[in-house]
Amino acid sequence: MDNLDAARMQMAFTLIFHIVFACIGMVMPFFMVISHYKWLKTRKPVFLKLTKSWQKGVAIFFVTGAVSGTALSFELGLLWPEFMKHAGPIIGMPFSLEGAAFFVEALALGFYLYGWNKLPEKFHLLTGIIVGLSGVASGILVVSANSWMNAPSGFDYINGEFLNIDPLKAFLNPAWFTQALHMTLAAFVATSFAVAGIHAWQIYKNRNRELHLEAFKIAIVFGAVAALLQPLSGDLSAKDIAKRQPVKLAALEAHYETEKGAPLYIGGIVDEENQTVSYKIEIPKALSFLSFGDFNAEVKGLNDFPKEDHPPVAITHYAFQIMVGLGTLLMFSGLLYFISLKKKKWQTSKKYWLYFACLAPVGFLALEAGWIVTEVGRQPWIIHNVMRTKDAVTPMPGMIYSFYMYVVLYAILSVAVTWLMIRQIKVLNNTEN
């Protein structure tokens, strides 16, 4: 493994882990706040117990998200110094604002965790709301920096120099809204179905049923609504990619030849050497319509672009298919939940709870696949059409050892978090209502 591959593997590995912690840290405060609000309204002990249990989860994931996020920020300078040399002054604004949002979140979380019976009830609840809102703001700000890499703006690139820098224009780049919307909804879908699935499993096992039923209802409503909205944000993202990154669109769909009325491929096995896709299902003209709103629109194929500008087609296509397939499953599962509110008998079946329990990891699998699509699909560019990834990597040798170190570190972190969460569930189940 050469230096470039080691650096890319380290960045990919740490992002794959951090995105899970970050999304849970963004979304779980809202579950906590809803449960807290229900406690204030009803004074039912089950909601107080649930709120205090969820606040411990929020604290755990806040800490792990902070640790893994800090590591990522150092990696930008460690692994990609040439990128940071030029990009730092341009996208420093969203990073600095994200730091401010994180600071607000930390303060609010401190007030919330230690404010029980010390703060006025309404103000105490407000601090929990601030934790959730500042967490979402942090996520959006980081995604803005990432979207700039896909849609660089706010500077003039003249003779290899970045001149006339406008940080606000870079922050509000053409891709920021679609990426931020899609990512925020994905965070809610993944976290909500994961939390709902964990509580569905406890209901299936008939453990502390009342508490887990209330927890399931709070989480699944967020997840179902977000899953039903996600295809709309996905459509916006696809149209944006078709306009700005046509080579990425071609890789997503594994289309090699330019054609009008291009079909949409479902599934398929990509042969990059022979430039073919076998065992696929074709929907005539659907790709042209989904990309441009016109059944006869022209979609450029990979062969219209220099081969050195092609992303890795197979992995991008497979990741995209996984993301869309799992997202569709979760969308129909959200619809299934809302239908089950009318058909009460469904919720008396153990199969119903087992089904939702099995969905627990699905949202995060879709989320990870989506990040692979975004990052691998942009290759070979670290800044689209401006700087190649190979030109941004550190010249320092031995990055493979740094990669191994991070694998061990994050493995330990994951084991610790898993142990803490299992312990929390056991404590919750062993406590009587």
Protein backbone atom coordinates (compact mmCIF):
# COMPACT_ATOMS: atom_id res chain seq x y z
CA MET A 1 0.00 0.00 0.00
CA ASP A 2 1.58 3.29 -1.08
CA ASN A 3 1.30 6.59 0.77
CA LEU A 4 -1.72 7.81 -1.19
CA ASP A 5 -3.67 4.59 -0.66
CA ALA A 6 -2.79 4.54 3.05
CA ALA A 7 -3.91 8.16 3.46
CA ARG A 8 -7.17 7.50 1.61
CA MET A 9 -7.83 4.34 3.63
CA GLN A 10 -7.22 6.16 6.91
CA MET A 11 -9.54 9.02 5.95
CA ALA A 12 -12.21 6.62 4.74
CA PHE A 13 -11.95 4.43 7.84
CA THR A 14 -12.22 7.32 10.30
CA LEU A 15 -15.07 8.93 8.37
CA ILE A 16 -16.99 5.66 8.33
CA PHE A 17 -16.77 5.49 12.13
CA HIS A 18 -17.26 9.19 12.87
CA ILE A 19 -20.38 9.53 10.73
CA VAL A 20 -22.18 7.02 12.97
CA PHE A 21 -21.26 8.80 16.20
CA ALA A 22 -21.97 12.22 14.69
CA CYS A 23 -25.42 11.30 13.36
CA ILE A 24 -26.52 9.72 16.63
CA GLY A 25 -25.24 12.79 18.49
CA MET A 26 -27.25 15.02 16.14
CA VAL A 27 -30.56 13.16 16.39
CA MET A 28 -30.85 11.54 19.82
CA PRO A 29 -31.24 14.86 21.67
CA PHE A 30 -34.57 15.31 19.88
CA PHE A 31 -35.81 11.96 21.21
CA MET A 32 -34.67 13.01 24.68
CA VAL A 33 -36.47 16.35 24.44
CA ILE A 34 -39.75 14.80 23.22
CA SER A 35 -39.68 12.31 26.10
CA HIS A 36 -38.87 15.14 28.52
CA TYR A 37 -41.78 17.19 27.19
CA LYS A 38 -44.12 14.22 27.65
CA TRP A 39 -42.87 13.86 31.23
CA LEU A 40 -43.66 17.52 31.95
CA LYS A 41 -47.14 17.14 30.41
CA THR A 42 -48.16 13.79 31.90
CA ARG A 43 -45.85 13.28 34.90
CA LYS A 44 -45.76 9.59 34.04
CA PRO A 45 -42.62 8.04 35.55
CA VAL A 46 -41.99 6.04 32.37
CA PHE A 47 -41.15 9.24 30.47
CA LEU A 48 -38.80 10.50 33.18
CA LYS A 49 -37.01 7.15 33.20
CA LEU A 50 -36.76 7.16 29.41
CA THR A 51 -35.52 10.75 29.30
CA LYS A 52 -32.76 10.11 31.82
CA SER A 53 -31.75 6.94 30.00
CA TRP A 54 -31.57 8.71 26.64
CA GLN A 55 -29.62 11.63 28.12
CA LYS A 56 -26.88 9.18 29.09
CA GLY A 57 -26.81 7.95 25.50
CA VAL A 58 -26.59 11.53 24.25
CA ALA A 59 -23.65 12.19 26.59
CA ILE A 60 -21.84 9.02 25.49
CA PHE A 61 -22.18 9.79 21.79
CA PHE A 62 -21.36 13.47 22.30
CA VAL A 63 -18.02 12.47 23.81
CA THR A 64 -17.22 9.82 21.18
CA GLY A 65 -18.30 12.15 18.38
CA ALA A 66 -16.05 14.88 19.77
CA VAL A 67 -13.06 12.52 19.99
CA SER A 68 -13.50 11.04 16.50
CA GLY A 69 -14.29 14.46 14.98
CA THR A 70 -11.19 16.02 16.52
CA ALA A 71 -9.09 13.24 15.04
CA LEU A 72 -10.58 13.94 11.62
CA SER A 73 -9.78 17.64 11.83
CA PHE A 74 -6.13 16.83 12.57
CA GLU A 75 -6.09 14.35 9.70
CA LEU A 76 -6.94 17.07 7.20
CA GLY A 77 -3.62 18.74 7.94
CA LEU A 78 -1.69 15.53 8.52
CA LEU A 79 -2.78 13.65 5.41
CA TRP A 80 -3.68 16.43 2.96
CA PRO A 81 -1.39 19.43 3.66
CA GLU A 82 -1.48 20.74 0.09
CA PHE A 83 -5.30 20.75 0.21
CA MET A 84 -5.39 22.64 3.52
CA LYS A 85 -2.76 25.10 2.34
CA HIS A 86 -5.16 26.42 -0.30
CA ALA A 87 -8.58 25.36 0.99
CA GLY A 88 -8.07 26.48 4.60
CA PRO A 89 -8.55 30.23 3.94
CA ILE A 90 -11.54 29.49 1.71
CA ILE A 91 -13.58 27.05 3.80
CA GLY A 92 -12.35 28.19 7.20
CA MET A 93 -15.69 29.91 7.86
CA PRO A 94 -17.90 26.79 8.12
CA PHE A 95 -15.23 25.03 10.21
CA SER A 96 -14.95 27.94 12.63
CA LEU A 97 -18.74 28.26 12.86
CA GLU A 98 -18.96 24.52 13.46
CA GLY A 99 -16.58 24.99 16.37
CA ALA A 100 -18.87 27.69 17.77
CA ALA A 101 -21.92 25.43 17.37
CA PHE A 102 -20.05 22.62 19.12
CA PHE A 103 -19.19 24.99 21.98
CA VAL A 104 -22.87 25.99 22.35
CA GLU A 105 -23.87 22.32 22.25
CA ALA A 106 -21.36 21.44 24.98
CA LEU A 107 -22.58 24.27 27.22
CA ALA A 108 -26.24 23.39 26.69
CA LEU A 109 -25.57 19.70 27.34
CA GLY A 110 -23.82 20.60 30.60
CA PHE A 111 -26.85 22.64 31.70
CA TYR A 112 -29.16 19.81 30.71
CA LEU A 113 -27.28 16.97 32.38
CA TYR A 114 -26.75 18.78 35.68
CA GLY A 115 -29.85 20.98 35.65
CA TRP A 116 -32.36 18.49 37.03
CA ASN A 117 -34.12 20.01 40.08
CA LYS A 118 -31.81 23.03 39.85
CA LEU A 119 -33.15 24.95 36.81
CA PRO A 120 -36.71 26.08 36.06
CA GLU A 121 -38.42 23.23 34.21
CA LYS A 122 -39.09 25.16 30.99
CA PHE A 123 -35.55 26.54 30.83
CA HIS A 124 -34.17 23.07 31.51
CA LEU A 125 -36.21 21.72 28.57
CA LEU A 126 -34.97 24.62 26.42
CA THR A 127 -31.34 23.63 27.04
CA GLY A 128 -32.15 20.17 25.64
CA ILE A 129 -33.67 21.76 22.52
CA ILE A 130 -30.50 23.84 22.09
CA VAL A 131 -28.40 20.67 22.28
CA GLY A 132 -30.38 19.20 19.36
CA LEU A 133 -30.43 22.36 17.23
CA SER A 134 -26.72 23.10 17.70
CA GLY A 135 -25.89 19.47 16.85
CA VAL A 136 -27.81 19.71 13.58
CA ALA A 137 -26.15 23.08 12.87
CA SER A 138 -22.72 21.48 13.38
CA GLY A 139 -23.58 18.75 10.91
CA ILE A 140 -24.83 21.19 8.28
CA LEU A 141 -21.72 23.35 8.61
CA VAL A 142 -19.36 20.41 8.15
CA VAL A 143 -21.38 19.21 5.15
CA SER A 144 -21.07 22.72 3.68
CA ALA A 145 -17.27 22.34 3.72
CA ASN A 146 -17.59 18.92 2.09
CA SER A 147 -20.03 20.20 -0.53
CA TRP A 148 -17.49 22.90 -1.46
CA MET A 149 -15.13 20.10 -2.48
CA ASN A 150 -17.81 18.93 -4.92
CA ALA A 151 -18.81 22.44 -6.05
CA PRO A 152 -15.79 24.73 -5.46
CA SER A 153 -16.68 28.42 -5.48
CA GLY A 154 -15.72 31.67 -3.79
CA PHE A 155 -12.31 32.09 -5.46
CA ASP A 156 -10.58 32.55 -8.80
CA TYR A 157 -8.09 29.87 -9.80
CA ILE A 158 -5.39 31.62 -11.85
CA ASN A 159 -2.06 30.03 -12.78
CA GLY A 160 -2.30 27.56 -9.93
CA GLU A 161 -3.12 30.27 -7.37
CA PHE A 162 -6.36 30.70 -5.37
CA LEU A 163 -7.16 34.42 -5.61
CA ASN A 164 -10.05 36.82 -4.84
CA ILE A 165 -11.33 34.62 -2.01
CA ASP A 166 -14.94 35.10 -0.87
CA PRO A 167 -15.55 32.85 2.18
CA LEU A 168 -19.31 33.49 2.23
CA LYS A 169 -19.71 32.44 -1.39
CA ALA A 170 -17.61 29.35 -0.69
CA PHE A 171 -19.77 28.55 2.34
CA LEU A 172 -23.00 28.94 0.33
CA ASN A 173 -21.66 26.96 -2.62
CA PRO A 174 -24.05 25.52 -5.23
CA ALA A 175 -24.12 22.06 -3.61
CA TRP A 176 -24.48 22.99 0.06
CA PHE A 177 -28.29 23.00 0.28
CA THR A 178 -28.93 19.69 -1.48
CA GLN A 179 -26.10 17.92 0.38
CA ALA A 180 -27.06 19.39 3.76
CA LEU A 181 -30.72 18.48 3.30
CA HIS A 182 -29.94 14.94 2.13
CA MET A 183 -27.40 14.37 4.91
CA THR A 184 -29.64 15.74 7.68
CA LEU A 185 -32.57 13.57 6.60
CA ALA A 186 -30.22 10.58 6.31
CA ALA A 187 -29.02 11.17 9.87
CA PHE A 188 -32.60 11.18 11.15
CA VAL A 189 -33.52 8.08 9.13
CA ALA A 190 -30.46 6.08 10.22
CA THR A 191 -30.55 7.03 13.89
CA SER A 192 -34.32 6.79 14.26
CA PHE A 193 -34.61 3.34 12.73
CA ALA A 194 -31.59 2.15 14.75
CA VAL A 195 -33.08 3.38 18.04
CA ALA A 196 -36.57 2.13 17.10
CA GLY A 197 -35.09 -1.23 16.14
CA ILE A 198 -33.30 -1.62 19.48
CA HIS A 199 -36.52 -0.89 21.38
CA ALA A 200 -38.54 -3.12 19.01
CA TRP A 201 -36.20 -5.98 19.91
CA GLN A 202 -36.85 -5.37 23.61
CA ILE A 203 -40.61 -5.41 22.94
CA TYR A 204 -40.20 -8.63 20.94
CA LYS A 205 -38.44 -10.12 23.98
CA ASN A 206 -41.23 -8.71 26.22
CA ARG A 207 -38.84 -6.69 28.40
CA ASN A 208 -40.11 -3.56 30.17
CA ARG A 209 -42.74 -3.31 27.45
CA GLU A 210 -44.37 -0.02 28.45
CA LEU A 211 -41.12 1.95 28.40
CA HIS A 212 -39.82 0.42 25.19
CA LEU A 213 -43.16 0.94 23.45
CA GLU A 214 -43.08 4.67 24.24
CA ALA A 215 -39.45 4.86 23.11
CA PHE A 216 -40.24 3.03 19.87
CA LYS A 217 -43.12 5.39 19.06
CA ILE A 218 -40.99 8.51 19.55
CA ALA A 219 -38.09 7.22 17.43
CA ILE A 220 -40.08 5.63 14.62
CA VAL A 221 -42.15 8.76 13.93
CA PHE A 222 -38.96 10.75 13.27
CA GLY A 223 -37.57 7.95 11.13
CA ALA A 224 -40.74 7.31 9.14
CA VAL A 225 -41.26 11.00 8.29
CA ALA A 226 -37.59 11.46 7.32
CA ALA A 227 -37.63 8.26 5.22
CA LEU A 228 -40.69 9.44 3.30
CA LEU A 229 -39.03 12.83 2.63
CA GLN A 230 -35.65 11.37 1.69
CA PRO A 231 -36.54 10.45 -1.93
CA LEU A 232 -37.44 14.11 -2.56
CA SER A 233 -34.04 15.29 -1.32
CA GLY A 234 -32.42 12.47 -3.30
CA ASP A 235 -34.11 13.72 -6.44
CA LEU A 236 -32.75 17.24 -5.82
CA SER A 237 -29.26 15.82 -5.27
CA ALA A 238 -29.41 13.71 -8.43
CA LYS A 239 -30.45 16.68 -10.56
CA ASP A 240 -27.67 18.77 -9.02
CA ILE A 241 -25.07 16.07 -9.74
CA ALA A 242 -26.33 15.68 -13.31
CA LYS A 243 -25.76 19.39 -13.86
CA ARG A 244 -22.42 19.91 -12.09
CA GLN A 245 -20.74 16.48 -12.03
CA PRO A 246 -21.92 14.54 -15.08
CA VAL A 247 -18.99 12.10 -14.82
CA LYS A 248 -20.13 11.17 -11.29
CA LEU A 249 -23.67 10.60 -12.59
CA ALA A 250 -22.30 8.33 -15.30
CA ALA A 251 -20.33 6.35 -12.70
CA LEU A 252 -23.35 6.07 -10.37
CA GLU A 253 -25.35 4.45 -13.15
CA ALA A 254 -22.37 2.73 -14.84
CA HIS A 255 -23.25 4.36 -18.17
CA TYR A 256 -20.34 4.33 -20.60
CA GLU A 257 -22.03 5.64 -23.74
CA THR A 258 -23.73 9.00 -24.21
CA GLU A 259 -27.35 8.63 -25.23
CA LYS A 260 -30.67 10.39 -25.33
CA GLY A 261 -33.51 8.76 -23.45
CA ALA A 262 -31.00 6.94 -21.22
CA PRO A 263 -32.35 3.98 -19.23
CA LEU A 264 -32.06 3.62 -15.48
CA TYR A 265 -30.13 0.55 -14.34
CA ILE A 266 -31.27 -1.41 -11.32
CA GLY A 267 -28.61 -3.78 -10.04
CA GLY A 268 -26.08 -5.18 -12.47
CA ILE A 269 -22.48 -6.37 -12.33
CA VAL A 270 -19.93 -3.89 -13.66
CA ASP A 271 -17.04 -5.02 -15.84
CA GLU A 272 -14.78 -1.94 -15.93
CA GLU A 273 -12.28 -3.51 -18.32
CA ASN A 274 -14.87 -4.31 -21.01
CA GLN A 275 -17.10 -1.35 -20.05
CA THR A 276 -20.24 -3.45 -19.69
CA VAL A 277 -22.95 -3.99 -17.07
CA SER A 278 -24.52 -7.44 -17.00
CA TYR A 279 -27.55 -8.83 -15.13
CA LYS A 280 -29.12 -5.39 -14.81
CA ILE A 281 -32.77 -4.37 -15.00
CA GLU A 282 -33.35 -1.45 -17.39
CA ILE A 283 -36.15 1.08 -17.03
CA PRO A 284 -36.35 2.84 -20.42
CA LYS A 285 -35.68 6.60 -20.44
CA ALA A 286 -35.96 6.80 -16.64
CA LEU A 287 -32.43 8.14 -16.05
CA SER A 288 -32.95 11.01 -18.50
CA PHE A 289 -36.19 11.94 -16.76
CA LEU A 290 -34.85 11.66 -13.21
CA SER A 291 -31.73 13.66 -14.11
CA PHE A 292 -33.20 16.40 -16.26
CA GLY A 293 -37.00 16.11 -16.10
CA ASP A 294 -37.12 15.13 -19.77
CA PHE A 295 -37.53 11.56 -21.02
CA ASN A 296 -35.44 12.34 -24.12
CA ALA A 297 -32.67 14.36 -22.46
CA GLU A 298 -29.09 13.47 -23.29
CA VAL A 299 -27.05 11.81 -20.52
CA LYS A 300 -23.29 11.87 -21.03
CA GLY A 301 -21.46 8.56 -20.69
CA LEU A 302 -18.07 7.90 -19.15
CA ASN A 303 -16.45 7.59 -22.56
CA ASP A 304 -17.09 11.30 -23.14
CA PHE A 305 -14.58 12.10 -20.40
CA PRO A 306 -10.82 11.45 -20.20
CA LYS A 307 -10.13 8.09 -18.60
CA GLU A 308 -7.90 9.69 -15.97
CA ASP A 309 -10.97 11.63 -14.76
CA HIS A 310 -13.13 8.53 -14.24
CA PRO A 311 -14.08 7.60 -10.67
CA PRO A 312 -13.85 3.92 -9.66
CA VAL A 313 -17.03 2.86 -11.46
CA ALA A 314 -17.85 -0.49 -9.86
CA ILE A 315 -17.65 0.60 -6.22
CA THR A 316 -19.53 3.84 -6.94
CA HIS A 317 -22.30 1.99 -8.78
CA TYR A 318 -22.65 -0.73 -6.13
CA ALA A 319 -22.69 1.81 -3.28
CA PHE A 320 -25.34 3.84 -5.08
CA GLN A 321 -27.50 0.77 -5.65
CA ILE A 322 -27.20 -0.20 -1.97
CA MET A 323 -28.08 3.32 -0.83
CA VAL A 324 -31.14 3.58 -3.05
CA GLY A 325 -32.30 0.02 -2.35
CA LEU A 326 -32.04 0.31 1.44
CA GLY A 327 -33.51 3.81 1.37
CA THR A 328 -36.51 2.49 -0.54
CA LEU A 329 -36.93 -0.31 2.00
CA LEU A 330 -36.94 2.21 4.85
CA MET A 331 -39.38 4.46 3.02
CA PHE A 332 -41.87 1.60 2.68
CA SER A 333 -41.21 0.59 6.29
CA GLY A 334 -42.08 4.12 7.41
CA LEU A 335 -45.30 3.88 5.41
CA LEU A 336 -45.94 0.49 6.99
CA TYR A 337 -45.70 2.02 10.46
CA PHE A 338 -48.26 4.71 9.68
CA ILE A 339 -50.63 2.10 8.23
CA SER A 340 -50.18 0.03 11.39
CA LEU A 341 -51.59 2.91 13.43
CA LYS A 342 -54.93 2.12 11.80
CA LYS A 343 -54.48 -1.65 11.79
CA LYS A 344 -53.85 -2.15 15.50
CA LYS A 345 -53.75 -5.93 15.18
CA TRP A 346 -50.41 -5.71 13.37
CA GLN A 347 -48.73 -4.43 16.53
CA THR A 348 -49.90 -7.46 18.51
CA SER A 349 -47.87 -9.76 16.25
CA LYS A 350 -44.33 -10.65 17.28
CA LYS A 351 -43.38 -10.68 13.60
CA TYR A 352 -44.13 -6.94 13.45
CA TRP A 353 -41.61 -6.19 16.21
CA LEU A 354 -39.05 -8.60 14.80
CA TYR A 355 -39.33 -6.87 11.42
CA PHE A 356 -38.54 -3.44 12.89
CA ALA A 357 -35.79 -4.92 15.05
CA CYS A 358 -34.12 -6.28 11.91
CA LEU A 359 -34.18 -2.78 10.40
CA ALA A 360 -31.93 -1.38 13.16
CA PRO A 361 -28.67 -1.43 11.12
CA VAL A 362 -30.23 -0.75 7.72
CA GLY A 363 -30.27 3.05 7.93
CA PHE A 364 -26.59 3.23 8.80
CA LEU A 365 -25.69 0.83 6.00
CA ALA A 366 -27.51 3.16 3.59
CA LEU A 367 -25.79 6.16 5.16
CA GLU A 368 -22.32 4.65 4.75
CA ALA A 369 -23.10 3.69 1.15
CA GLY A 370 -24.18 7.27 0.50
CA TRP A 371 -20.88 8.64 1.81
CA ILE A 372 -18.98 6.22 -0.41
CA VAL A 373 -20.99 7.51 -3.37
CA THR A 374 -20.17 11.13 -2.47
CA GLU A 375 -16.47 10.67 -1.78
CA VAL A 376 -15.44 7.91 -4.20
CA GLY A 377 -17.66 9.37 -6.92
CA ARG A 378 -15.68 12.64 -6.76
CA GLN A 379 -12.35 10.92 -7.39
CA PRO A 380 -9.76 11.53 -8.73
CA TRP A 381 -10.42 15.07 -7.45
CA ILE A 382 -10.14 16.30 -3.87
CA ILE A 383 -11.43 19.66 -5.14
CA HIS A 384 -13.59 18.94 -8.16
CA ASN A 385 -11.83 19.93 -11.41
CA VAL A 386 -9.25 21.98 -9.46
CA MET A 387 -6.95 19.72 -7.40
CA ARG A 388 -6.37 15.99 -7.71
CA THR A 389 -6.24 13.83 -4.61
CA LYS A 390 -2.76 12.55 -5.46
CA ASP A 391 -1.48 16.14 -5.56
CA ALA A 392 -2.82 16.94 -2.09
CA VAL A 393 -1.39 13.98 -0.13
CA THR A 394 1.42 14.41 2.36
CA PRO A 395 4.97 13.60 1.18
CA MET A 396 5.73 12.21 4.65
CA PRO A 397 6.43 8.44 4.39
CA GLY A 398 5.03 5.79 6.69
CA MET A 399 1.34 6.69 6.57
CA ILE A 400 0.51 2.99 6.64
CA TYR A 401 1.53 2.90 10.33
CA SER A 402 -0.74 5.84 11.08
CA PHE A 403 -3.57 3.96 9.38
CA TYR A 404 -2.98 0.85 11.52
CA MET A 405 -2.88 2.98 14.66
CA TYR A 406 -6.24 4.55 13.84
CA VAL A 407 -7.79 1.15 13.13
CA VAL A 408 -6.78 -0.04 16.60
CA LEU A 409 -7.90 3.22 18.25
CA TYR A 410 -11.32 3.25 16.64
CA ALA A 411 -11.83 -0.47 17.27
CA ILE A 412 -11.25 0.14 20.99
CA LEU A 413 -13.58 3.15 20.89
CA SER A 414 -16.30 1.11 19.19
CA VAL A 415 -16.02 -1.74 21.68
CA ALA A 416 -16.21 0.72 24.59
CA VAL A 417 -19.28 2.49 23.21
CA THR A 418 -21.03 -0.80 22.43
CA TRP A 419 -20.33 -2.07 25.96
CA LEU A 420 -21.68 1.17 27.49
CA MET A 421 -24.88 1.05 25.43
CA ILE A 422 -25.53 -2.63 26.21
CA ARG A 423 -24.99 -1.84 29.88
CA GLN A 424 -27.48 1.04 29.66
CA ILE A 425 -30.15 -1.21 28.13
CA LYS A 426 -29.61 -3.87 30.80
CA VAL A 427 -29.92 -1.29 33.57
CA LEU A 428 -33.10 0.03 31.98
CA ASN A 429 -34.63 -3.43 31.72
CA ASN A 430 -33.69 -4.33 35.29
CA THR A 431 -35.42 -1.26 36.68
CA GLU A 432 -39.11 -1.57 37.41
CA ASN A 433 -41.48 1.13 36.22
